[in-house]
Amino acid sequence: MLNSDFVKQPTVKYISAEDCRRLFPERPADCHKGNFGYTALIGGSIEYSGAIRLAAMANAAMRSGAGVATIAAPRLICPVIAPQILEATLIPLSDEDGDLVFSEEDFGPIAAKYDTIAFGMGIGNSGETLKAIEYLLTNYDKTLIVDADGLNAMSLLDHSIIRNSRARLILTPHLKEFSRLSGMSVADAKADPARAASYLADELEAVVLLKGSTTYVAGPSSGDSAVHSEPGVLATDRGCPGMATAGSGDVLSGIISALAVNADDLVLAAACSAYINGAAGELAESRRSAITMTSADTAGCIAEVIESIIRES
């Protein structure tokens, strides 16, 4: 278990639609897409092409508020992805038989241009993924969301490399990924997820979104107000059994990458993303069932949930 001498029990606040409303200010009449940020979603592989497609599906990131969304994926699977993205742009990445081959020539321009990058959804567990996450941690200086295979690769790195990253980090582990990153057992993390998330946030100097039936989001206690403007952990229990299916996390990553673009509080942006994802899942389940709904159904309800937040809060 966590030692209470060095990990204090944090205060926990459950967020509401009104909290999320702060992330969707009214847009002026003379605005343009550049006002609302550029986000890149990097992922996919020959085995898991659906992961990056789900992150982009129905332009999940753009429907959550970003001005421009770009998908970057191994070249071989780009023809599969292209028919499903209309407003987003597509960057082919170097690959071998549909699996990423890291190239600084590919990643350098992405790191230089985009306000947020979400990395890891279905990218595969290989040495090339490890090279890519090391490059982003070292060279990218804006907001980096790491999910899925990106987290698996990150767990192989010394924590000092993560702490010294130039990027503002948002990590989105489920319990097993959390265990790999932290060295804590799944049972211990599950027993006190709020304190576990706070521990890892301080250890890695990152925002940690620990996924579960209740999701907990913590920022480092030493962080500035741009990471989290208030002390404590934010939580949401929005969601439903129907979301216990492949791809729910990929959809969430697409939402976070957009909401974090202009956010002045990354913990709030991550927590509200989980709230929106959960509410969209609930709506999808109400129209289908816990058994028949898919993550694509959740993605298809994102815009409706955001509209309800904007209009009713």
C-alpha atoms as a PDB file:
ATOM      1  CA  MET A   1       0.000   0.000   0.000  1.00  0.00           C
ATOM      2  CA  LEU A   2       0.976   3.641  -0.362  1.00  0.00           C
ATOM      3  CA  ASN A   3       2.917   5.033   2.567  1.00  0.00           C
ATOM      4  CA  SER A   4       0.823   7.816   4.101  1.00  0.00           C
ATOM      5  CA  ASP A   5       3.995   9.473   5.363  1.00  0.00           C
ATOM      6  CA  PHE A   6       4.921  10.611   1.878  1.00  0.00           C
ATOM      7  CA  VAL A   7       1.627  10.415  -0.014  1.00  0.00           C
ATOM      8  CA  LYS A   8      -1.081  12.391   1.726  1.00  0.00           C
ATOM      9  CA  GLN A   9      -4.736  11.646   1.109  1.00  0.00           C
ATOM     10  CA  PRO A  10      -5.841  14.267  -1.434  1.00  0.00           C
ATOM     11  CA  THR A  11      -9.120  16.099  -1.483  1.00  0.00           C
ATOM     12  CA  VAL A  12     -11.379  14.882  -4.289  1.00  0.00           C
ATOM     13  CA  LYS A  13     -13.871  17.003  -6.206  1.00  0.00           C
ATOM     14  CA  TYR A  14     -16.396  15.512  -8.637  1.00  0.00           C
ATOM     15  CA  ILE A  15     -16.766  17.766 -11.652  1.00  0.00           C
ATOM     16  CA  SER A  16     -20.040  18.837 -13.237  1.00  0.00           C
ATOM     17  CA  ALA A  17     -21.290  20.043 -16.599  1.00  0.00           C
ATOM     18  CA  GLU A  18     -20.859  23.585 -15.294  1.00  0.00           C
ATOM     19  CA  ASP A  19     -17.142  22.947 -14.706  1.00  0.00           C
ATOM     20  CA  CYS A  20     -16.843  21.713 -18.276  1.00  0.00           C
ATOM     21  CA  ARG A  21     -18.664  24.756 -19.611  1.00  0.00           C
ATOM     22  CA  ARG A  22     -15.600  26.868 -18.759  1.00  0.00           C
ATOM     23  CA  LEU A  23     -13.699  25.127 -21.549  1.00  0.00           C
ATOM     24  CA  PHE A  24     -16.150  26.283 -24.241  1.00  0.00           C
ATOM     25  CA  PRO A  25     -16.202  30.100 -24.177  1.00  0.00           C
ATOM     26  CA  GLU A  26     -18.327  31.943 -26.700  1.00  0.00           C
ATOM     27  CA  ARG A  27     -16.503  32.450 -29.982  1.00  0.00           C
ATOM     28  CA  PRO A  28     -16.194  35.941 -31.479  1.00  0.00           C
ATOM     29  CA  ALA A  29     -17.685  36.638 -34.901  1.00  0.00           C
ATOM     30  CA  ASP A  30     -14.291  37.299 -36.492  1.00  0.00           C
ATOM     31  CA  CYS A  31     -12.611  34.076 -35.310  1.00  0.00           C
ATOM     32  CA  HIS A  32     -10.844  31.565 -37.567  1.00  0.00           C
ATOM     33  CA  LYS A  33      -9.543  28.015 -37.179  1.00  0.00           C
ATOM     34  CA  GLY A  34      -6.112  29.171 -36.096  1.00  0.00           C
ATOM     35  CA  ASN A  35      -7.621  30.721 -32.976  1.00  0.00           C
ATOM     36  CA  PHE A  36      -8.551  27.312 -31.620  1.00  0.00           C
ATOM     37  CA  GLY A  37      -5.349  25.352 -31.874  1.00  0.00           C
ATOM     38  CA  TYR A  38      -3.719  22.602 -33.866  1.00  0.00           C
ATOM     39  CA  THR A  39      -3.831  19.051 -32.552  1.00  0.00           C
ATOM     40  CA  ALA A  40      -2.111  15.944 -33.912  1.00  0.00           C
ATOM     41  CA  LEU A  41      -3.131  12.342 -33.219  1.00  0.00           C
ATOM     42  CA  ILE A  42      -0.257   9.899 -33.779  1.00  0.00           C
ATOM     43  CA  GLY A  43      -1.071   6.209 -33.756  1.00  0.00           C
ATOM     44  CA  GLY A  44      -2.188   3.135 -35.602  1.00  0.00           C
ATOM     45  CA  SER A  45      -0.497   0.020 -36.935  1.00  0.00           C
ATOM     46  CA  ILE A  46      -1.343  -2.763 -39.328  1.00  0.00           C
ATOM     47  CA  GLU A  47      -2.847  -4.767 -36.439  1.00  0.00           C
ATOM     48  CA  TYR A  48      -4.563  -1.843 -34.715  1.00  0.00           C
ATOM     49  CA  SER A  49      -5.663   0.565 -37.422  1.00  0.00           C
ATOM     50  CA  GLY A  50      -8.992   0.975 -35.644  1.00  0.00           C
ATOM     51  CA  ALA A  51      -7.435   2.742 -32.660  1.00  0.00           C
ATOM     52  CA  ILE A  52      -6.360   5.857 -34.543  1.00  0.00           C
ATOM     53  CA  ARG A  53      -9.544   5.746 -36.632  1.00  0.00           C
ATOM     54  CA  LEU A  54     -11.626   5.850 -33.459  1.00  0.00           C
ATOM     55  CA  ALA A  55      -9.618   8.784 -32.124  1.00  0.00           C
ATOM     56  CA  ALA A  56     -10.404  10.610 -35.350  1.00  0.00           C
ATOM     57  CA  MET A  57     -13.890   9.207 -35.947  1.00  0.00           C
ATOM     58  CA  ALA A  58     -16.532  11.850 -36.489  1.00  0.00           C
ATOM     59  CA  ASN A  59     -13.573  14.179 -36.034  1.00  0.00           C
ATOM     60  CA  ALA A  60     -13.790  13.571 -32.293  1.00  0.00           C
ATOM     61  CA  ALA A  61     -11.054  16.069 -31.515  1.00  0.00           C
ATOM     62  CA  MET A  62     -12.424  18.818 -33.767  1.00  0.00           C
ATOM     63  CA  ARG A  63     -15.970  18.329 -32.474  1.00  0.00           C
ATOM     64  CA  SER A  64     -14.520  18.894 -29.024  1.00  0.00           C
ATOM     65  CA  GLY A  65     -13.254  22.342 -29.903  1.00  0.00           C
ATOM     66  CA  ALA A  66      -9.899  22.206 -31.728  1.00  0.00           C
ATOM     67  CA  GLY A  67      -9.454  24.308 -34.840  1.00  0.00           C
ATOM     68  CA  VAL A  68      -7.400  21.839 -36.880  1.00  0.00           C
ATOM     69  CA  ALA A  69      -6.891  18.114 -36.327  1.00  0.00           C
ATOM     70  CA  THR A  70      -4.206  16.082 -38.071  1.00  0.00           C
ATOM     71  CA  ILE A  71      -3.853  12.311 -38.099  1.00  0.00           C
ATOM     72  CA  ALA A  72      -0.345  10.845 -38.404  1.00  0.00           C
ATOM     73  CA  ALA A  73      -0.152   7.100 -39.039  1.00  0.00           C
ATOM     74  CA  PRO A  74       2.068   4.500 -40.722  1.00  0.00           C
ATOM     75  CA  ARG A  75       1.957   4.968 -44.484  1.00  0.00           C
ATOM     76  CA  LEU A  76       0.509   1.543 -45.333  1.00  0.00           C
ATOM     77  CA  ILE A  77      -2.669   2.077 -43.299  1.00  0.00           C
ATOM     78  CA  CYS A  78      -3.306   5.648 -44.478  1.00  0.00           C
ATOM     79  CA  PRO A  79      -5.557   4.506 -47.357  1.00  0.00           C
ATOM     80  CA  VAL A  80      -7.763   2.771 -44.763  1.00  0.00           C
ATOM     81  CA  ILE A  81      -7.932   5.895 -42.618  1.00  0.00           C
ATOM     82  CA  ALA A  82      -8.379   8.495 -45.361  1.00  0.00           C
ATOM     83  CA  PRO A  83     -12.030   7.719 -46.277  1.00  0.00           C
ATOM     84  CA  GLN A  84     -13.096   8.286 -42.663  1.00  0.00           C
ATOM     85  CA  ILE A  85     -11.632  11.739 -42.155  1.00  0.00           C
ATOM     86  CA  LEU A  86     -13.087  14.747 -43.912  1.00  0.00           C
ATOM     87  CA  GLU A  87     -11.998  17.930 -42.116  1.00  0.00           C
ATOM     88  CA  ALA A  88      -8.765  16.517 -40.680  1.00  0.00           C
ATOM     89  CA  THR A  89      -5.466  16.274 -42.547  1.00  0.00           C
ATOM     90  CA  LEU A  90      -3.394  13.113 -42.836  1.00  0.00           C
ATOM     91  CA  ILE A  91       0.383  12.672 -42.492  1.00  0.00           C
ATOM     92  CA  PRO A  92       1.895   9.327 -43.600  1.00  0.00           C
ATOM     93  CA  LEU A  93       4.702   8.123 -41.329  1.00  0.00           C
ATOM     94  CA  SER A  94       7.620   5.899 -42.267  1.00  0.00           C
ATOM     95  CA  ASP A  95       6.760   2.261 -41.757  1.00  0.00           C
ATOM     96  CA  GLU A  96       7.617  -1.336 -42.466  1.00  0.00           C
ATOM     97  CA  ASP A  97       4.646  -3.464 -43.473  1.00  0.00           C
ATOM     98  CA  GLY A  98       2.259  -1.097 -41.711  1.00  0.00           C
ATOM     99  CA  ASP A  99       4.184  -0.734 -38.454  1.00  0.00           C
ATOM    100  CA  LEU A 100       5.906   2.485 -37.404  1.00  0.00           C
ATOM    101  CA  VAL A 101       9.538   3.058 -38.203  1.00  0.00           C
ATOM    102  CA  PHE A 102      10.631   6.106 -36.233  1.00  0.00           C
ATOM    103  CA  SER A 103      12.054   8.952 -38.296  1.00  0.00           C
ATOM    104  CA  GLU A 104      13.110  12.319 -36.937  1.00  0.00           C
ATOM    105  CA  GLU A 105      12.268  13.737 -40.360  1.00  0.00           C
ATOM    106  CA  ASP A 106       8.656  12.703 -39.777  1.00  0.00           C
ATOM    107  CA  PHE A 107       8.336  13.678 -36.137  1.00  0.00           C
ATOM    108  CA  GLY A 108      10.320  16.938 -36.200  1.00  0.00           C
ATOM    109  CA  PRO A 109       7.788  18.976 -38.217  1.00  0.00           C
ATOM    110  CA  ILE A 110       4.902  17.619 -36.135  1.00  0.00           C
ATOM    111  CA  ALA A 111       6.640  18.584 -32.900  1.00  0.00           C
ATOM    112  CA  ALA A 112       7.325  22.060 -34.267  1.00  0.00           C
ATOM    113  CA  LYS A 113       3.791  22.808 -35.464  1.00  0.00           C
ATOM    114  CA  TYR A 114       1.161  21.331 -33.164  1.00  0.00           C
ATOM    115  CA  ASP A 115      -0.166  22.729 -29.895  1.00  0.00           C
ATOM    116  CA  THR A 116      -1.128  19.305 -28.595  1.00  0.00           C
ATOM    117  CA  ILE A 117      -0.042  15.830 -29.616  1.00  0.00           C
ATOM    118  CA  ALA A 118      -1.803  12.627 -28.566  1.00  0.00           C
ATOM    119  CA  PHE A 119       0.514   9.668 -29.009  1.00  0.00           C
ATOM    120  CA  GLY A 120       0.231   5.928 -28.683  1.00  0.00           C
ATOM    121  CA  MET A 121      -3.232   4.770 -29.728  1.00  0.00           C
ATOM    122  CA  GLY A 122      -2.616   1.425 -31.464  1.00  0.00           C
ATOM    123  CA  ILE A 123       0.931   2.398 -32.461  1.00  0.00           C
ATOM    124  CA  GLY A 124       2.295  -0.991 -31.384  1.00  0.00           C
ATOM    125  CA  ASN A 125       4.739  -2.203 -28.757  1.00  0.00           C
ATOM    126  CA  SER A 126       8.138  -2.066 -30.403  1.00  0.00           C
ATOM    127  CA  GLY A 127      11.526  -0.429 -30.157  1.00  0.00           C
ATOM    128  CA  GLU A 128      10.337   2.117 -32.724  1.00  0.00           C
ATOM    129  CA  THR A 129       7.570   3.255 -30.382  1.00  0.00           C
ATOM    130  CA  LEU A 130      10.167   3.664 -27.638  1.00  0.00           C
ATOM    131  CA  LYS A 131      12.316   5.804 -29.943  1.00  0.00           C
ATOM    132  CA  ALA A 132       9.318   7.947 -30.812  1.00  0.00           C
ATOM    133  CA  ILE A 133       8.247   8.626 -27.223  1.00  0.00           C
ATOM    134  CA  GLU A 134      11.842   9.395 -26.205  1.00  0.00           C
ATOM    135  CA  TYR A 135      12.047  11.895 -29.054  1.00  0.00           C
ATOM    136  CA  LEU A 136       8.790  13.594 -28.105  1.00  0.00           C
ATOM    137  CA  LEU A 137       9.723  13.763 -24.424  1.00  0.00           C
ATOM    138  CA  THR A 138      13.046  15.349 -25.291  1.00  0.00           C
ATOM    139  CA  ASN A 139      12.104  17.655 -28.152  1.00  0.00           C
ATOM    140  CA  TYR A 140       8.430  18.592 -27.902  1.00  0.00           C
ATOM    141  CA  ASP A 141       7.676  21.598 -25.688  1.00  0.00           C
ATOM    142  CA  LYS A 142       3.886  21.893 -25.683  1.00  0.00           C
ATOM    143  CA  THR A 143       1.166  19.524 -24.433  1.00  0.00           C
ATOM    144  CA  LEU A 144       1.740  15.801 -24.969  1.00  0.00           C
ATOM    145  CA  ILE A 145      -0.994  13.256 -24.223  1.00  0.00           C
ATOM    146  CA  VAL A 146       0.316   9.706 -23.929  1.00  0.00           C
ATOM    147  CA  ASP A 147      -1.993   6.702 -24.110  1.00  0.00           C
ATOM    148  CA  ALA A 148      -1.972   2.939 -24.657  1.00  0.00           C
ATOM    149  CA  ASP A 149       1.188   1.698 -26.417  1.00  0.00           C
ATOM    150  CA  GLY A 150       2.846   5.039 -25.723  1.00  0.00           C
ATOM    151  CA  LEU A 151       2.428   4.378 -21.999  1.00  0.00           C
ATOM    152  CA  ASN A 152       3.782   0.853 -22.361  1.00  0.00           C
ATOM    153  CA  ALA A 153       6.907   2.259 -23.999  1.00  0.00           C
ATOM    154  CA  MET A 154       7.190   5.024 -21.405  1.00  0.00           C
ATOM    155  CA  SER A 155       7.171   2.436 -18.615  1.00  0.00           C
ATOM    156  CA  LEU A 156      10.541   1.208 -19.924  1.00  0.00           C
ATOM    157  CA  LEU A 157      12.162   4.616 -19.372  1.00  0.00           C
ATOM    158  CA  ASP A 158      13.874   5.907 -16.279  1.00  0.00           C
ATOM    159  CA  HIS A 159      11.536   8.273 -14.458  1.00  0.00           C
ATOM    160  CA  SER A 160      14.109  11.065 -14.687  1.00  0.00           C
ATOM    161  CA  ILE A 161      13.677  11.146 -18.473  1.00  0.00           C
ATOM    162  CA  ILE A 162       9.940  11.686 -18.037  1.00  0.00           C
ATOM    163  CA  ARG A 163      10.354  14.276 -15.273  1.00  0.00           C
ATOM    164  CA  ASN A 164      12.814  16.246 -17.387  1.00  0.00           C
ATOM    165  CA  SER A 165      10.567  16.341 -20.442  1.00  0.00           C
ATOM    166  CA  ARG A 166      10.114  19.727 -22.078  1.00  0.00           C
ATOM    167  CA  ALA A 167       6.450  18.903 -22.688  1.00  0.00           C
ATOM    168  CA  ARG A 168       3.494  19.368 -20.391  1.00  0.00           C
ATOM    169  CA  LEU A 169       2.410  15.757 -19.966  1.00  0.00           C
ATOM    170  CA  ILE A 170      -1.020  14.184 -19.657  1.00  0.00           C
ATOM    171  CA  LEU A 171      -0.842  10.430 -19.071  1.00  0.00           C
ATOM    172  CA  THR A 172      -4.011   8.336 -19.412  1.00  0.00           C
ATOM    173  CA  PRO A 173      -3.388   4.854 -17.949  1.00  0.00           C
ATOM    174  CA  HIS A 174      -5.856   2.186 -16.993  1.00  0.00           C
ATOM    175  CA  LEU A 175      -4.930   0.172 -13.917  1.00  0.00           C
ATOM    176  CA  LYS A 176      -2.523  -2.247 -15.620  1.00  0.00           C
ATOM    177  CA  GLU A 177      -0.730   0.554 -17.476  1.00  0.00           C
ATOM    178  CA  PHE A 178      -0.616   2.512 -14.215  1.00  0.00           C
ATOM    179  CA  SER A 179       1.001  -0.465 -12.485  1.00  0.00           C
ATOM    180  CA  ARG A 180       3.700  -0.684 -15.156  1.00  0.00           C
ATOM    181  CA  LEU A 181       4.442   3.040 -14.894  1.00  0.00           C
ATOM    182  CA  SER A 182       4.418   3.281 -11.125  1.00  0.00           C
ATOM    183  CA  GLY A 183       5.655  -0.102  -9.953  1.00  0.00           C
ATOM    184  CA  MET A 184       2.578  -0.253  -7.702  1.00  0.00           C
ATOM    185  CA  SER A 185       0.391  -3.334  -7.786  1.00  0.00           C
ATOM    186  CA  VAL A 186      -2.968  -3.170  -9.496  1.00  0.00           C
ATOM    187  CA  ALA A 187      -4.628  -4.103  -6.198  1.00  0.00           C
ATOM    188  CA  ASP A 188      -2.975  -1.236  -4.309  1.00  0.00           C
ATOM    189  CA  ALA A 189      -3.834   1.307  -7.004  1.00  0.00           C
ATOM    190  CA  LYS A 190      -7.428   0.091  -7.152  1.00  0.00           C
ATOM    191  CA  ALA A 191      -7.746   0.297  -3.366  1.00  0.00           C
ATOM    192  CA  ASP A 192      -7.009   4.043  -3.294  1.00  0.00           C
ATOM    193  CA  PRO A 193      -6.991   5.414  -6.870  1.00  0.00           C
ATOM    194  CA  ALA A 194      -7.096   9.094  -5.916  1.00  0.00           C
ATOM    195  CA  ARG A 195      -3.968   8.809  -3.798  1.00  0.00           C
ATOM    196  CA  ALA A 196      -2.314   6.542  -6.368  1.00  0.00           C
ATOM    197  CA  ALA A 197      -2.905   9.095  -9.132  1.00  0.00           C
ATOM    198  CA  SER A 198      -1.512  11.865  -6.901  1.00  0.00           C
ATOM    199  CA  TYR A 199       1.583   9.803  -6.168  1.00  0.00           C
ATOM    200  CA  LEU A 200       2.389   9.179  -9.827  1.00  0.00           C
ATOM    201  CA  ALA A 201       1.626  12.784 -10.790  1.00  0.00           C
ATOM    202  CA  ASP A 202       4.257  13.940  -8.303  1.00  0.00           C
ATOM    203  CA  GLU A 203       6.694  11.181  -9.215  1.00  0.00           C
ATOM    204  CA  LEU A 204       6.601  11.941 -12.957  1.00  0.00           C
ATOM    205  CA  GLU A 205       5.677  15.653 -12.731  1.00  0.00           C
ATOM    206  CA  ALA A 206       2.769  14.991 -15.058  1.00  0.00           C
ATOM    207  CA  VAL A 207      -1.007  15.115 -15.120  1.00  0.00           C
ATOM    208  CA  VAL A 208      -2.231  11.579 -14.477  1.00  0.00           C
ATOM    209  CA  LEU A 209      -5.710  10.474 -15.556  1.00  0.00           C
ATOM    210  CA  LEU A 210      -6.332   7.089 -13.951  1.00  0.00           C
ATOM    211  CA  LYS A 211      -9.182   5.449 -15.836  1.00  0.00           C
ATOM    212  CA  GLY A 212     -11.852   3.338 -14.186  1.00  0.00           C
ATOM    213  CA  SER A 213     -15.553   3.260 -13.345  1.00  0.00           C
ATOM    214  CA  THR A 214     -14.623   6.455 -11.519  1.00  0.00           C
ATOM    215  CA  THR A 215     -11.803   8.337 -13.215  1.00  0.00           C
ATOM    216  CA  TYR A 216      -9.351  10.358 -11.114  1.00  0.00           C
ATOM    217  CA  VAL A 217      -7.182  13.162 -12.475  1.00  0.00           C
ATOM    218  CA  ALA A 218      -4.237  14.539 -10.511  1.00  0.00           C
ATOM    219  CA  GLY A 219      -1.560  17.100 -11.244  1.00  0.00           C
ATOM    220  CA  PRO A 220       1.877  17.428  -9.625  1.00  0.00           C
ATOM    221  CA  SER A 221       1.763  19.325  -6.352  1.00  0.00           C
ATOM    222  CA  SER A 222       4.751  21.365  -7.511  1.00  0.00           C
ATOM    223  CA  GLY A 223       3.033  22.319 -10.778  1.00  0.00           C
ATOM    224  CA  ASP A 224       2.130  25.852 -11.753  1.00  0.00           C
ATOM    225  CA  SER A 225      -1.407  27.150 -12.236  1.00  0.00           C
ATOM    226  CA  ALA A 226      -1.280  26.324 -15.956  1.00  0.00           C
ATOM    227  CA  VAL A 227      -1.274  22.659 -14.986  1.00  0.00           C
ATOM    228  CA  HIS A 228      -3.847  22.864 -12.199  1.00  0.00           C
ATOM    229  CA  SER A 229      -5.270  26.019 -10.691  1.00  0.00           C
ATOM    230  CA  GLU A 230      -6.603  24.336  -7.528  1.00  0.00           C
ATOM    231  CA  PRO A 231      -5.196  21.705  -5.156  1.00  0.00           C
ATOM    232  CA  GLY A 232      -6.596  18.192  -5.010  1.00  0.00           C
ATOM    233  CA  VAL A 233      -7.854  15.566  -7.425  1.00  0.00           C
ATOM    234  CA  LEU A 234     -10.738  15.916  -9.879  1.00  0.00           C
ATOM    235  CA  ALA A 235     -13.002  12.943 -10.482  1.00  0.00           C
ATOM    236  CA  THR A 236     -15.926  11.847 -12.622  1.00  0.00           C
ATOM    237  CA  ASP A 237     -18.104   8.763 -12.456  1.00  0.00           C
ATOM    238  CA  ARG A 238     -19.802   9.404 -15.793  1.00  0.00           C
ATOM    239  CA  GLY A 239     -19.801   6.315 -17.984  1.00  0.00           C
ATOM    240  CA  CYS A 240     -21.541   2.976 -18.268  1.00  0.00           C
ATOM    241  CA  PRO A 241     -20.937  -0.775 -18.637  1.00  0.00           C
ATOM    242  CA  GLY A 242     -21.284  -0.504 -22.409  1.00  0.00           C
ATOM    243  CA  MET A 243     -18.017   1.434 -22.509  1.00  0.00           C
ATOM    244  CA  ALA A 244     -16.124  -1.662 -21.351  1.00  0.00           C
ATOM    245  CA  THR A 245     -15.110  -2.326 -24.936  1.00  0.00           C
ATOM    246  CA  ALA A 246     -12.089  -1.776 -27.142  1.00  0.00           C
ATOM    247  CA  GLY A 247     -11.566   1.807 -28.249  1.00  0.00           C
ATOM    248  CA  SER A 248     -13.105   3.807 -25.407  1.00  0.00           C
ATOM    249  CA  GLY A 249      -9.679   5.125 -24.445  1.00  0.00           C
ATOM    250  CA  ASP A 250      -8.870   6.032 -28.038  1.00  0.00           C
ATOM    251  CA  VAL A 251     -11.968   8.215 -28.212  1.00  0.00           C
ATOM    252  CA  LEU A 252     -10.992   9.839 -24.920  1.00  0.00           C
ATOM    253  CA  SER A 253      -7.525  10.678 -26.244  1.00  0.00           C
ATOM    254  CA  GLY A 254      -9.078  12.461 -29.210  1.00  0.00           C
ATOM    255  CA  ILE A 255     -11.181  14.600 -26.887  1.00  0.00           C
ATOM    256  CA  ILE A 256      -8.303  15.448 -24.537  1.00  0.00           C
ATOM    257  CA  SER A 257      -6.047  16.502 -27.398  1.00  0.00           C
ATOM    258  CA  ALA A 258      -8.610  19.095 -28.439  1.00  0.00           C
ATOM    259  CA  LEU A 259      -9.669  20.395 -25.027  1.00  0.00           C
ATOM    260  CA  ALA A 260      -6.070  20.799 -23.901  1.00  0.00           C
ATOM    261  CA  VAL A 261      -5.183  23.058 -26.853  1.00  0.00           C
ATOM    262  CA  ASN A 262      -6.301  26.299 -25.230  1.00  0.00           C
ATOM    263  CA  ALA A 263      -6.802  25.122 -21.640  1.00  0.00           C
ATOM    264  CA  ASP A 264      -5.240  27.115 -18.833  1.00  0.00           C
ATOM    265  CA  ASP A 265      -5.801  24.158 -16.473  1.00  0.00           C
ATOM    266  CA  LEU A 266      -4.698  20.783 -17.851  1.00  0.00           C
ATOM    267  CA  VAL A 267      -6.152  18.799 -14.956  1.00  0.00           C
ATOM    268  CA  LEU A 268      -9.553  20.350 -15.589  1.00  0.00           C
ATOM    269  CA  ALA A 269      -9.246  19.750 -19.339  1.00  0.00           C
ATOM    270  CA  ALA A 270      -8.402  16.079 -18.789  1.00  0.00           C
ATOM    271  CA  ALA A 271     -11.161  15.572 -16.219  1.00  0.00           C
ATOM    272  CA  CYS A 272     -13.775  17.270 -18.400  1.00  0.00           C
ATOM    273  CA  SER A 273     -12.675  15.112 -21.322  1.00  0.00           C
ATOM    274  CA  ALA A 274     -13.382  12.036 -19.222  1.00  0.00           C
ATOM    275  CA  TYR A 275     -16.745  13.534 -18.201  1.00  0.00           C
ATOM    276  CA  ILE A 276     -17.683  14.167 -21.855  1.00  0.00           C
ATOM    277  CA  ASN A 277     -16.505  10.730 -22.943  1.00  0.00           C
ATOM    278  CA  GLY A 278     -18.510   9.090 -20.155  1.00  0.00           C
ATOM    279  CA  ALA A 279     -21.632  11.134 -20.855  1.00  0.00           C
ATOM    280  CA  ALA A 280     -21.368  10.297 -24.563  1.00  0.00           C
ATOM    281  CA  GLY A 281     -21.087   6.620 -23.641  1.00  0.00           C
ATOM    282  CA  GLU A 282     -24.179   6.855 -21.455  1.00  0.00           C
ATOM    283  CA  LEU A 283     -26.093   8.447 -24.310  1.00  0.00           C
ATOM    284  CA  ALA A 284     -24.926   5.771 -26.737  1.00  0.00           C
ATOM    285  CA  GLU A 285     -25.950   3.005 -24.335  1.00  0.00           C
ATOM    286  CA  SER A 286     -29.419   4.532 -23.892  1.00  0.00           C
ATOM    287  CA  ARG A 287     -29.929   4.282 -27.647  1.00  0.00           C
ATOM    288  CA  ARG A 288     -28.527   0.774 -28.040  1.00  0.00           C
ATOM    289  CA  SER A 289     -27.615  -1.404 -25.047  1.00  0.00           C
ATOM    290  CA  ALA A 290     -24.671  -2.224 -22.816  1.00  0.00           C
ATOM    291  CA  ILE A 291     -24.098  -5.328 -24.917  1.00  0.00           C
ATOM    292  CA  THR A 292     -24.489  -3.977 -28.453  1.00  0.00           C
ATOM    293  CA  MET A 293     -22.925  -0.499 -28.255  1.00  0.00           C
ATOM    294  CA  THR A 294     -19.384   0.134 -29.479  1.00  0.00           C
ATOM    295  CA  SER A 295     -16.805   2.881 -29.019  1.00  0.00           C
ATOM    296  CA  ALA A 296     -17.842   4.235 -32.392  1.00  0.00           C
ATOM    297  CA  ASP A 297     -21.307   4.837 -30.923  1.00  0.00           C
ATOM    298  CA  THR A 298     -19.698   6.834 -28.105  1.00  0.00           C
ATOM    299  CA  ALA A 299     -17.715   8.937 -30.580  1.00  0.00           C
ATOM    300  CA  GLY A 300     -20.902   9.636 -32.493  1.00  0.00           C
ATOM    301  CA  CYS A 301     -22.514  11.164 -29.399  1.00  0.00           C
ATOM    302  CA  ILE A 302     -19.689  13.548 -28.442  1.00  0.00           C
ATOM    303  CA  ALA A 303     -21.030  16.561 -30.325  1.00  0.00           C
ATOM    304  CA  GLU A 304     -24.493  16.167 -28.787  1.00  0.00           C
ATOM    305  CA  VAL A 305     -23.032  16.029 -25.274  1.00  0.00           C
ATOM    306  CA  ILE A 306     -20.941  19.146 -25.853  1.00  0.00           C
ATOM    307  CA  GLU A 307     -23.970  20.982 -27.248  1.00  0.00           C
ATOM    308  CA  SER A 308     -25.954  20.092 -24.126  1.00  0.00           C
ATOM    309  CA  ILE A 309     -23.143  21.374 -21.896  1.00  0.00           C
ATOM    310  CA  ILE A 310     -22.947  24.647 -23.786  1.00  0.00           C
ATOM    311  CA  ARG A 311     -26.705  25.227 -23.911  1.00  0.00           C
ATOM    312  CA  GLU A 312     -27.819  24.011 -20.497  1.00  0.00           C
ATOM    313  CA  SER A 313     -25.004  24.917 -18.121  1.00  0.00           C
END
